[in-house]
Amino acid sequence: MENNEWDVIIIGGGAAGLSAALMLGRALRKVLVLDGGSPRNRFASHMHGVLGNEGADPLEFLSRARAEVAGYGVEVRSAVVNQVSETAAGIAVETDDGGRLTARRLIASSGVRDDLPEIPGMAQRWGRDVLHCPYCHGWEVRGKRLAVLATSPMGIHQAQLIPQWSPDVVFFTALAGPVDGDIAAQLAARNVSRDPRPVTELVVSDDALTGIRVEGGEVVDVDAVFTAATLIPQDGYLAGFELEREDSAFGSFLKVDPTGRTSHPRIWAAGNITSPGANVPISIAAGAMAGGMINADLVTEDFALAAASAESLPGASDESSPADSALASAVSAETSTAAGATTSAAAGEERAS
């Protein structure tokens, strides 16, 4: 049987992956983080809504997080994962440089890719004044001239949300199709104007968005645009497992239980790869949950392996002693209690978020 090099391999070194790594490193687990170096929020200069890190630079935040996990023996490597497969004793990970790594457990935390509309200027301004989340960026553009560029019927949700931050909102609907009469009346009641003309480009002056050009050439003055990109989960390396998925209006995502475990008993997932709404604090919580529960799972396996090894020794008794039975019962009860407490804590954290 192949010996595993690592207790846990984590694919993706963002907020979720590094949070899981921190929990596992502090549990004295041998952990490897493989990161492709393209965090989703790399286009933004600051991140918000992260308690204790309000306004932090996203890349500086990740740099500090890597240093923290390294202090507990976690190794972080730059690598792109091509494929993951199952072995008799765990999981094998193949990287783009031809490497092959093995572990007892795997965490997928490689996030999503934002696929933007092919409108000139969109990609260049993404994360600056072309935005997706008002909770992340709304305060910084409060009271300004804002636009909502619908890319699907879900754009209506943004059009209803953005007036909380500004009374001056225009809703471009060409990519979303007709707006229901009741919804149109609600938007009008909040002074959200609708523009059905197709958007042809974003207008930029002095490195700042100043307007949206529509079909026919007219420019509508705006200071920022909110839009919803198409989310592409970065989980192709898991295709061979045919893991259960959940379909939503935002796409198809890996299905996990409250601890982050997928439909495969050795694979967990955390962060945007499982949930389109997982911002940085939610991803941190999900990673911590996955890390803690994987350690509990490995503890159970360690005891089972130790017991099997002891039974195979020459002269080992077929019957356990009363002391052994008492110890086994205590360990089982403690593991069950810890798992239940952790799940309850995670549920509370999610409600608080």
Protein backbone atom coordinates (compact mmCIF):
# COMPACT_ATOMS: atom_id res chain seq x y z
CA MET A 1 0.00 0.00 0.00
CA GLU A 2 1.29 3.48 -0.94
CA ASN A 3 2.29 5.67 2.01
CA ASN A 4 0.81 9.17 1.93
CA GLU A 5 3.26 12.06 2.01
CA TRP A 6 0.77 14.43 3.65
CA ASP A 7 -2.14 14.26 6.04
CA VAL A 8 -4.01 16.90 4.04
CA ILE A 9 -3.46 18.62 0.70
CA ILE A 10 -5.34 21.88 0.22
CA ILE A 11 -5.90 23.09 -3.34
CA GLY A 12 -6.23 26.87 -3.26
CA GLY A 13 -4.44 29.27 -0.94
CA GLY A 14 -7.09 31.91 -0.47
CA ALA A 15 -9.06 32.77 2.67
CA ALA A 16 -10.81 29.39 2.90
CA GLY A 17 -7.76 27.26 2.17
CA LEU A 18 -5.41 29.10 4.51
CA SER A 19 -8.01 29.14 7.29
CA ALA A 20 -8.28 25.35 7.01
CA ALA A 21 -4.49 25.11 6.93
CA LEU A 22 -4.24 27.13 10.14
CA MET A 23 -6.60 24.80 12.00
CA LEU A 24 -4.80 21.70 10.74
CA GLY A 25 -1.32 23.07 11.34
CA ARG A 26 -2.18 23.85 14.93
CA ALA A 27 -3.39 20.26 15.23
CA LEU A 28 0.12 19.08 14.29
CA ARG A 29 -1.03 17.76 10.93
CA LYS A 30 1.32 17.58 7.95
CA VAL A 31 -0.32 19.99 5.50
CA LEU A 32 0.51 21.15 1.98
CA VAL A 33 -1.24 24.09 0.30
CA LEU A 34 -1.05 24.26 -3.50
CA ASP A 35 -1.88 27.69 -4.89
CA GLY A 36 -2.05 28.94 -8.47
CA GLY A 37 -1.44 32.56 -7.46
CA SER A 38 -4.65 34.11 -8.83
CA PRO A 39 -6.92 35.08 -5.90
CA ARG A 40 -10.34 36.26 -7.03
CA ASN A 41 -10.09 39.62 -5.24
CA ARG A 42 -6.63 40.47 -6.61
CA PHE A 43 -8.15 43.26 -8.74
CA ALA A 44 -9.35 45.20 -5.69
CA SER A 45 -7.03 47.49 -3.75
CA HIS A 46 -8.86 46.98 -0.45
CA MET A 47 -11.22 44.43 1.09
CA HIS A 48 -14.08 45.30 3.40
CA GLY A 49 -16.39 43.60 5.86
CA VAL A 50 -13.56 41.51 7.31
CA LEU A 51 -13.54 42.14 11.05
CA GLY A 52 -10.06 43.09 12.26
CA ASN A 53 -8.87 43.53 8.67
CA GLU A 54 -11.19 46.29 7.48
CA GLY A 55 -9.67 48.04 4.45
CA ALA A 56 -6.71 45.66 4.22
CA ASP A 57 -4.96 45.10 0.91
CA PRO A 58 -6.09 41.61 -0.27
CA LEU A 59 -2.61 40.53 -1.33
CA GLU A 60 -1.02 41.79 1.89
CA PHE A 61 -3.70 39.92 3.84
CA LEU A 62 -2.81 36.68 2.05
CA SER A 63 0.89 37.28 2.61
CA ARG A 64 0.32 37.63 6.35
CA ALA A 65 -1.93 34.57 6.36
CA ARG A 66 0.75 32.48 4.62
CA ALA A 67 3.30 33.57 7.21
CA GLU A 68 0.92 32.59 10.00
CA VAL A 69 0.31 29.06 8.69
CA ALA A 70 4.02 28.60 7.99
CA GLY A 71 4.60 29.20 11.69
CA TYR A 72 2.72 25.96 12.36
CA GLY A 73 4.66 23.90 9.84
CA VAL A 74 2.27 24.24 6.90
CA GLU A 75 4.00 24.29 3.51
CA VAL A 76 2.64 26.53 0.74
CA ARG A 77 3.74 25.86 -2.84
CA SER A 78 3.00 27.61 -6.11
CA ALA A 79 1.41 25.01 -8.37
CA VAL A 80 -1.53 24.41 -10.67
CA VAL A 81 -3.39 21.14 -10.15
CA ASN A 82 -4.32 19.19 -13.27
CA GLN A 83 -6.01 16.13 -11.82
CA VAL A 84 -6.98 14.42 -8.58
CA SER A 85 -7.51 10.67 -8.28
CA GLU A 86 -8.12 8.09 -5.58
CA THR A 87 -5.56 5.65 -4.23
CA ALA A 88 -5.98 2.67 -1.93
CA ALA A 89 -4.97 4.79 1.06
CA GLY A 90 -6.08 8.28 0.11
CA ILE A 91 -5.89 10.89 -2.63
CA ALA A 92 -3.30 11.56 -5.36
CA VAL A 93 -2.79 15.06 -6.79
CA GLU A 94 -1.05 15.67 -10.12
CA THR A 95 0.36 19.14 -10.84
CA ASP A 96 1.17 20.89 -14.10
CA ASP A 97 4.91 20.42 -13.59
CA GLY A 98 4.50 16.64 -13.65
CA GLY A 99 4.55 16.21 -9.88
CA ARG A 100 2.49 13.63 -8.03
CA LEU A 101 1.57 14.10 -4.38
CA THR A 102 -0.48 11.95 -2.04
CA ALA A 103 -2.53 12.70 1.06
CA ARG A 104 -5.06 11.10 3.37
CA ARG A 105 -7.57 13.91 2.85
CA LEU A 106 -8.15 16.75 0.38
CA ILE A 107 -9.68 20.20 0.66
CA ALA A 108 -10.79 21.91 -2.55
CA SER A 109 -10.76 25.67 -2.02
CA SER A 110 -9.73 26.94 -5.44
CA GLY A 111 -12.64 29.35 -5.80
CA VAL A 112 -14.32 30.62 -8.94
CA ARG A 113 -13.41 32.62 -12.02
CA ASP A 114 -15.46 35.69 -12.96
CA ASP A 115 -16.51 35.59 -16.62
CA LEU A 116 -17.42 39.18 -17.55
CA PRO A 117 -19.55 40.44 -20.44
CA GLU A 118 -17.45 41.18 -23.52
CA ILE A 119 -17.95 44.92 -23.33
CA PRO A 120 -14.87 47.14 -23.88
CA GLY A 121 -13.62 48.47 -20.56
CA MET A 122 -15.31 45.92 -18.31
CA ALA A 123 -12.30 43.73 -17.63
CA GLN A 124 -9.95 46.71 -17.29
CA ARG A 125 -12.10 48.38 -14.61
CA TRP A 126 -13.11 45.17 -12.77
CA GLY A 127 -12.60 45.51 -9.02
CA ARG A 128 -12.04 49.26 -9.31
CA ASP A 129 -15.24 50.94 -10.48
CA VAL A 130 -16.87 47.91 -12.10
CA LEU A 131 -18.06 46.05 -9.03
CA HIS A 132 -20.10 43.01 -8.07
CA CYS A 133 -20.82 43.22 -4.33
CA PRO A 134 -22.29 46.29 -2.61
CA TYR A 135 -21.37 44.89 0.79
CA CYS A 136 -17.74 44.87 -0.36
CA HIS A 137 -17.73 48.18 -2.26
CA GLY A 138 -21.00 50.04 -1.66
CA TRP A 139 -19.73 52.35 1.09
CA GLU A 140 -16.91 53.62 -1.13
CA VAL A 141 -19.35 54.72 -3.88
CA ARG A 142 -22.24 55.82 -1.64
CA GLY A 143 -24.20 58.77 -2.98
CA LYS A 144 -22.54 58.62 -6.40
CA ARG A 145 -24.05 58.07 -9.84
CA LEU A 146 -24.39 54.29 -10.02
CA ALA A 147 -25.38 51.89 -12.75
CA VAL A 148 -26.54 48.30 -12.62
CA LEU A 149 -25.67 46.34 -15.75
CA ALA A 150 -27.85 43.23 -15.82
CA THR A 151 -26.26 40.15 -17.35
CA SER A 152 -29.19 37.85 -16.55
CA PRO A 153 -32.61 38.08 -14.87
CA MET A 154 -30.71 37.97 -11.54
CA GLY A 155 -29.65 41.55 -12.28
CA ILE A 156 -33.02 42.63 -10.94
CA HIS A 157 -31.82 41.66 -7.47
CA GLN A 158 -28.88 44.07 -7.79
CA ALA A 159 -31.16 46.80 -9.11
CA GLN A 160 -33.30 46.44 -6.00
CA LEU A 161 -30.28 46.38 -3.69
CA ILE A 162 -28.10 49.23 -4.97
CA PRO A 163 -30.52 52.12 -4.12
CA GLN A 164 -29.62 51.46 -0.48
CA TRP A 165 -26.28 53.16 -1.24
CA SER A 166 -27.37 55.91 -3.64
CA PRO A 167 -30.54 57.67 -4.81
CA ASP A 168 -29.07 57.99 -8.33
CA VAL A 169 -29.27 54.56 -10.00
CA VAL A 170 -29.81 53.60 -13.63
CA PHE A 171 -30.60 50.00 -14.58
CA PHE A 172 -29.39 48.76 -18.00
CA THR A 173 -31.62 45.84 -18.90
CA ALA A 174 -30.68 44.82 -22.46
CA LEU A 175 -28.84 41.64 -21.41
CA ALA A 176 -31.55 40.60 -18.94
CA GLY A 177 -34.63 40.79 -21.12
CA PRO A 178 -38.00 42.36 -20.27
CA VAL A 179 -38.66 43.46 -16.70
CA ASP A 180 -41.91 42.25 -15.12
CA GLY A 181 -44.50 44.99 -14.66
CA ASP A 182 -44.65 44.66 -10.88
CA ILE A 183 -40.85 44.78 -10.62
CA ALA A 184 -40.75 47.79 -12.93
CA ALA A 185 -43.23 49.59 -10.68
CA GLN A 186 -41.17 48.78 -7.58
CA LEU A 187 -38.00 50.10 -9.20
CA ALA A 188 -39.76 53.27 -10.31
CA ALA A 189 -41.01 53.79 -6.75
CA ARG A 190 -37.36 53.84 -5.62
CA ASN A 191 -36.44 56.23 -8.45
CA VAL A 192 -34.41 53.60 -10.30
CA SER A 193 -34.47 54.56 -13.96
CA ARG A 194 -34.41 51.83 -16.63
CA ASP A 195 -32.48 51.98 -19.89
CA PRO A 196 -33.17 49.16 -22.39
CA ARG A 197 -30.46 50.20 -24.86
CA PRO A 198 -27.49 47.82 -25.31
CA VAL A 199 -24.25 48.97 -23.70
CA THR A 200 -21.38 49.24 -26.20
CA GLU A 201 -18.47 50.38 -24.01
CA LEU A 202 -17.39 51.97 -20.75
CA VAL A 203 -16.00 55.49 -20.94
CA VAL A 204 -12.88 56.18 -18.88
CA SER A 205 -11.16 59.53 -18.28
CA ASP A 206 -8.07 60.15 -16.14
CA ASP A 207 -8.12 56.52 -14.98
CA ALA A 208 -11.67 56.75 -13.68
CA LEU A 209 -14.99 55.55 -15.03
CA THR A 210 -17.08 58.50 -16.19
CA GLY A 211 -19.85 56.98 -18.25
CA ILE A 212 -21.50 54.19 -20.20
CA ARG A 213 -21.87 54.47 -23.96
CA VAL A 214 -25.02 52.90 -25.34
CA GLU A 215 -26.07 51.86 -28.82
CA GLY A 216 -26.51 55.03 -30.86
CA GLY A 217 -23.51 56.74 -29.25
CA GLU A 218 -25.03 58.53 -26.27
CA VAL A 219 -23.00 58.47 -23.05
CA VAL A 220 -24.82 58.08 -19.74
CA ASP A 221 -22.79 59.65 -16.92
CA VAL A 222 -21.99 57.22 -14.10
CA ASP A 223 -19.24 56.86 -11.49
CA ALA A 224 -19.44 53.11 -10.89
CA VAL A 225 -21.14 50.03 -12.31
CA PHE A 226 -22.45 47.00 -10.46
CA THR A 227 -22.76 43.81 -12.47
CA ALA A 228 -22.88 40.08 -11.86
CA ALA A 229 -20.22 38.08 -13.67
CA THR A 230 -20.87 34.49 -14.69
CA LEU A 231 -19.17 32.36 -12.03
CA ILE A 232 -17.02 29.45 -13.22
CA PRO A 233 -16.07 27.10 -10.34
CA GLN A 234 -12.40 26.12 -10.54
CA ASP A 235 -12.98 22.45 -9.79
CA GLY A 236 -12.25 20.70 -13.08
CA TYR A 237 -9.48 18.66 -11.46
CA LEU A 238 -12.18 16.77 -9.52
CA ALA A 239 -14.12 15.70 -12.61
CA GLY A 240 -13.13 12.05 -12.24
CA PHE A 241 -14.99 11.73 -8.93
CA GLU A 242 -18.42 12.79 -10.24
CA LEU A 243 -19.14 14.53 -6.94
CA GLU A 244 -22.67 15.64 -6.14
CA ARG A 245 -23.45 19.22 -7.14
CA GLU A 246 -26.12 21.81 -6.42
CA ASP A 247 -27.56 23.94 -9.20
CA SER A 248 -28.50 27.55 -8.55
CA ALA A 249 -29.22 30.72 -10.46
CA PHE A 250 -25.48 31.43 -10.26
CA GLY A 251 -24.32 28.07 -11.64
CA SER A 252 -23.50 24.55 -10.49
CA PHE A 253 -21.43 24.19 -7.32
CA LEU A 254 -20.02 21.31 -5.28
CA LYS A 255 -22.54 20.04 -2.74
CA VAL A 256 -21.20 19.85 0.82
CA ASP A 257 -22.63 19.03 4.23
CA PRO A 258 -22.48 21.56 7.12
CA THR A 259 -18.86 20.55 7.83
CA GLY A 260 -17.74 21.06 4.23
CA ARG A 261 -17.56 17.37 3.35
CA THR A 262 -18.46 16.48 -0.25
CA SER A 263 -20.12 13.27 -1.40
CA HIS A 264 -16.67 11.63 -1.27
CA PRO A 265 -15.60 10.69 2.29
CA ARG A 266 -12.01 11.95 1.83
CA ILE A 267 -12.74 15.23 0.06
CA TRP A 268 -13.91 18.50 1.64
CA ALA A 269 -14.55 21.84 -0.06
CA ALA A 270 -14.79 25.40 1.24
CA GLY A 271 -15.25 28.94 -0.02
CA ASN A 272 -16.57 30.16 -3.37
CA ILE A 273 -16.07 26.73 -4.90
CA THR A 274 -19.18 25.66 -2.96
CA SER A 275 -21.08 28.92 -2.58
CA PRO A 276 -21.33 32.04 -4.79
CA GLY A 277 -22.03 34.18 -1.72
CA ALA A 278 -18.93 33.14 0.21
CA ASN A 279 -17.04 36.39 0.74
CA VAL A 280 -13.80 36.54 2.73
CA PRO A 281 -15.26 36.20 6.28
CA ILE A 282 -17.65 33.43 5.23
CA SER A 283 -14.80 31.63 3.47
CA ILE A 284 -12.61 31.92 6.57
CA ALA A 285 -15.37 30.33 8.66
CA ALA A 286 -15.96 27.54 6.13
CA GLY A 287 -12.24 26.79 5.97
CA ALA A 288 -11.93 26.65 9.74
CA MET A 289 -14.87 24.25 9.92
CA ALA A 290 -13.43 21.98 7.22
CA GLY A 291 -10.00 21.96 8.85
CA GLY A 292 -11.34 21.11 12.28
CA MET A 293 -13.61 18.36 11.03
CA ILE A 294 -10.91 16.77 8.89
CA ASN A 295 -8.67 16.59 11.94
CA ALA A 296 -11.50 14.92 13.90
CA ASP A 297 -11.97 12.47 11.03
CA LEU A 298 -8.25 11.68 10.98
CA VAL A 299 -8.22 11.20 14.75
CA THR A 300 -10.92 8.55 14.38
CA GLU A 301 -8.95 6.88 11.59
CA ASP A 302 -5.71 7.04 13.60
CA PHE A 303 -7.32 5.14 16.48
CA ALA A 304 -8.74 2.54 14.09
CA LEU A 305 -5.35 2.04 12.44
CA ALA A 306 -3.60 1.79 15.80
CA ALA A 307 -6.10 -0.80 17.00
CA ALA A 308 -5.72 -2.84 13.81
CA SER A 309 -1.94 -2.70 14.10
CA ALA A 310 -2.06 -3.84 17.73
CA GLU A 311 -4.32 -6.76 16.89
CA SER A 312 -1.90 -7.94 14.21
CA LEU A 313 1.03 -8.21 16.64
CA PRO A 314 2.09 -11.75 17.67
CA GLY A 315 0.37 -12.82 20.86
CA ALA A 316 -2.27 -10.12 20.64
CA SER A 317 -5.44 -11.14 22.46
CA ASP A 318 -8.60 -11.63 20.48
CA GLU A 319 -10.50 -9.94 23.30
CA SER A 320 -9.86 -6.43 24.51
CA SER A 321 -9.37 -5.74 28.18
CA PRO A 322 -11.99 -3.81 30.16
CA ALA A 323 -9.59 -0.86 30.24
CA ASP A 324 -9.23 -0.93 26.44
CA SER A 325 -13.00 -1.05 26.01
CA ALA A 326 -13.47 1.87 28.38
CA LEU A 327 -10.84 3.90 26.51
CA ALA A 328 -12.45 3.16 23.14
CA SER A 329 -15.87 4.20 24.45
CA ALA A 330 -14.46 7.43 25.88
CA VAL A 331 -12.70 8.32 22.64
CA SER A 332 -15.83 7.61 20.59
CA ALA A 333 -17.98 9.75 22.89
CA GLU A 334 -15.46 12.58 22.90
CA THR A 335 -15.16 12.60 19.10
CA SER A 336 -18.95 12.63 18.66
CA THR A 337 -19.33 15.46 21.18
CA ALA A 338 -16.59 17.51 19.53
CA ALA A 339 -18.10 17.04 16.08
CA GLY A 340 -21.53 18.11 17.30
CA ALA A 341 -20.16 21.16 19.09
CA THR A 342 -18.18 22.24 16.05
CA THR A 343 -21.19 21.88 13.75
CA SER A 344 -23.34 23.92 16.15
CA ALA A 345 -20.69 26.63 16.36
CA ALA A 346 -20.48 26.82 12.58
CA ALA A 347 -24.23 27.19 12.28
CA GLY A 348 -24.10 30.08 14.74
CA GLU A 349 -21.26 31.72 12.83
CA GLU A 350 -23.21 31.48 9.57
CA ARG A 351 -26.29 33.05 11.12
CA ALA A 352 -24.17 35.85 12.56
CA SER A 353 -22.64 36.56 9.15
